[in-house]
Amino acid sequence: MNTRSHPVRRSTDDQTIKSPRQLYDLLPGKKEIIEFSQAQGANFHCQPTGRQLTHTQMLDWLADHLPSRQP
């Protein structure tokens, strides 16, 4: 059984990846779509004008899904 969680990024005006929903539907187990919009300045492929937001969203996702390494 796959217990890993998978993030799928979706930019509203992405012309490279036409349907992140198809990828989402194919992934097994827990998953989540992380949305990026024009209002956020991150509506194109890889969010080139919203890199800080992308990094924040992805690092927050990692922090929520990776085990802590406290001694």
C-alpha atoms as a PDB file:
ATOM      1  CA  MET A   1       0.000   0.000   0.000  1.00  0.00           C
ATOM      2  CA  ASN A   2       1.318   3.434  -0.936  1.00  0.00           C
ATOM      3  CA  THR A   3       1.055   5.823   2.011  1.00  0.00           C
ATOM      4  CA  ARG A   4       3.063   8.650   0.490  1.00  0.00           C
ATOM      5  CA  SER A   5       1.376  11.915  -0.310  1.00  0.00           C
ATOM      6  CA  HIS A   6       1.913  13.559  -3.697  1.00  0.00           C
ATOM      7  CA  PRO A   7       1.731  17.294  -4.431  1.00  0.00           C
ATOM      8  CA  VAL A   8       0.562  18.396  -7.891  1.00  0.00           C
ATOM      9  CA  ARG A   9       1.040  22.054  -8.804  1.00  0.00           C
ATOM     10  CA  ARG A  10      -1.518  23.760 -11.036  1.00  0.00           C
ATOM     11  CA  SER A  11      -1.077  27.197 -12.590  1.00  0.00           C
ATOM     12  CA  THR A  12      -4.254  28.664 -14.059  1.00  0.00           C
ATOM     13  CA  ASP A  13      -2.665  29.831 -17.357  1.00  0.00           C
ATOM     14  CA  ASP A  14      -0.080  27.057 -17.799  1.00  0.00           C
ATOM     15  CA  GLN A  15       0.325  26.284 -21.509  1.00  0.00           C
ATOM     16  CA  THR A  16       2.898  23.493 -20.980  1.00  0.00           C
ATOM     17  CA  ILE A  17       0.953  21.180 -18.709  1.00  0.00           C
ATOM     18  CA  LYS A  18      -2.570  21.128 -20.096  1.00  0.00           C
ATOM     19  CA  SER A  19      -4.193  18.977 -17.452  1.00  0.00           C
ATOM     20  CA  PRO A  20      -2.558  18.533 -14.056  1.00  0.00           C
ATOM     21  CA  ARG A  21      -5.869  16.984 -13.026  1.00  0.00           C
ATOM     22  CA  GLN A  22      -5.085  13.948 -15.225  1.00  0.00           C
ATOM     23  CA  LEU A  23      -1.789  13.459 -13.377  1.00  0.00           C
ATOM     24  CA  TYR A  24      -3.588  13.916 -10.074  1.00  0.00           C
ATOM     25  CA  ASP A  25      -6.150  11.263 -11.014  1.00  0.00           C
ATOM     26  CA  LEU A  26      -3.398   8.767 -11.954  1.00  0.00           C
ATOM     27  CA  LEU A  27      -1.418   9.110  -8.724  1.00  0.00           C
ATOM     28  CA  PRO A  28      -2.097   6.509  -6.040  1.00  0.00           C
ATOM     29  CA  GLY A  29      -2.774   7.265  -2.400  1.00  0.00           C
ATOM     30  CA  LYS A  30      -3.074  10.631  -0.743  1.00  0.00           C
ATOM     31  CA  LYS A  31      -2.567  13.639  -2.975  1.00  0.00           C
ATOM     32  CA  GLU A  32      -3.300  17.308  -3.172  1.00  0.00           C
ATOM     33  CA  ILE A  33      -3.430  19.971  -5.882  1.00  0.00           C
ATOM     34  CA  ILE A  34      -1.607  23.172  -4.999  1.00  0.00           C
ATOM     35  CA  GLU A  35      -3.240  25.985  -6.968  1.00  0.00           C
ATOM     36  CA  PHE A  36      -1.446  29.079  -8.287  1.00  0.00           C
ATOM     37  CA  SER A  37      -3.385  31.973  -9.807  1.00  0.00           C
ATOM     38  CA  GLN A  38      -2.972  35.214 -11.729  1.00  0.00           C
ATOM     39  CA  ALA A  39      -4.021  37.172  -8.625  1.00  0.00           C
ATOM     40  CA  GLN A  40      -1.012  35.651  -6.860  1.00  0.00           C
ATOM     41  CA  GLY A  41       1.287  36.473  -9.788  1.00  0.00           C
ATOM     42  CA  ALA A  42       1.962  32.775 -10.304  1.00  0.00           C
ATOM     43  CA  ASN A  43      -0.326  31.718 -13.136  1.00  0.00           C
ATOM     44  CA  PHE A  44       2.219  30.387 -15.697  1.00  0.00           C
ATOM     45  CA  HIS A  45       4.267  27.171 -15.958  1.00  0.00           C
ATOM     46  CA  CYS A  46       6.657  26.843 -12.983  1.00  0.00           C
ATOM     47  CA  GLN A  47       5.268  30.141 -11.655  1.00  0.00           C
ATOM     48  CA  PRO A  48       8.148  32.298 -13.026  1.00  0.00           C
ATOM     49  CA  THR A  49       6.771  35.532 -11.600  1.00  0.00           C
ATOM     50  CA  GLY A  50       5.721  33.949  -8.331  1.00  0.00           C
ATOM     51  CA  ARG A  51       8.800  31.995  -7.272  1.00  0.00           C
ATOM     52  CA  GLN A  52       8.675  33.118  -3.640  1.00  0.00           C
ATOM     53  CA  LEU A  53       5.076  31.914  -3.375  1.00  0.00           C
ATOM     54  CA  THR A  54       6.012  28.620  -5.056  1.00  0.00           C
ATOM     55  CA  HIS A  55       8.890  28.066  -2.657  1.00  0.00           C
ATOM     56  CA  THR A  56       6.726  28.931   0.335  1.00  0.00           C
ATOM     57  CA  GLN A  57       3.929  26.585  -0.766  1.00  0.00           C
ATOM     58  CA  MET A  58       6.290  23.688  -1.516  1.00  0.00           C
ATOM     59  CA  LEU A  59       8.356  24.100   1.660  1.00  0.00           C
ATOM     60  CA  ASP A  60       5.152  24.260   3.717  1.00  0.00           C
ATOM     61  CA  TRP A  61       3.956  21.084   1.991  1.00  0.00           C
ATOM     62  CA  LEU A  62       7.262  19.338   2.743  1.00  0.00           C
ATOM     63  CA  ALA A  63       7.147  20.460   6.381  1.00  0.00           C
ATOM     64  CA  ASP A  64       3.641  19.004   6.695  1.00  0.00           C
ATOM     65  CA  HIS A  65       4.517  15.664   5.054  1.00  0.00           C
ATOM     66  CA  LEU A  66       8.094  14.779   6.015  1.00  0.00           C
ATOM     67  CA  PRO A  67       8.883  13.223   9.379  1.00  0.00           C
ATOM     68  CA  SER A  68      10.572  15.563  11.824  1.00  0.00           C
ATOM     69  CA  ARG A  69      14.224  14.910  12.630  1.00  0.00           C
ATOM     70  CA  GLN A  70      14.363  16.012  16.225  1.00  0.00           C
ATOM     71  CA  PRO A  71      17.084  14.379  18.353  1.00  0.00           C
END
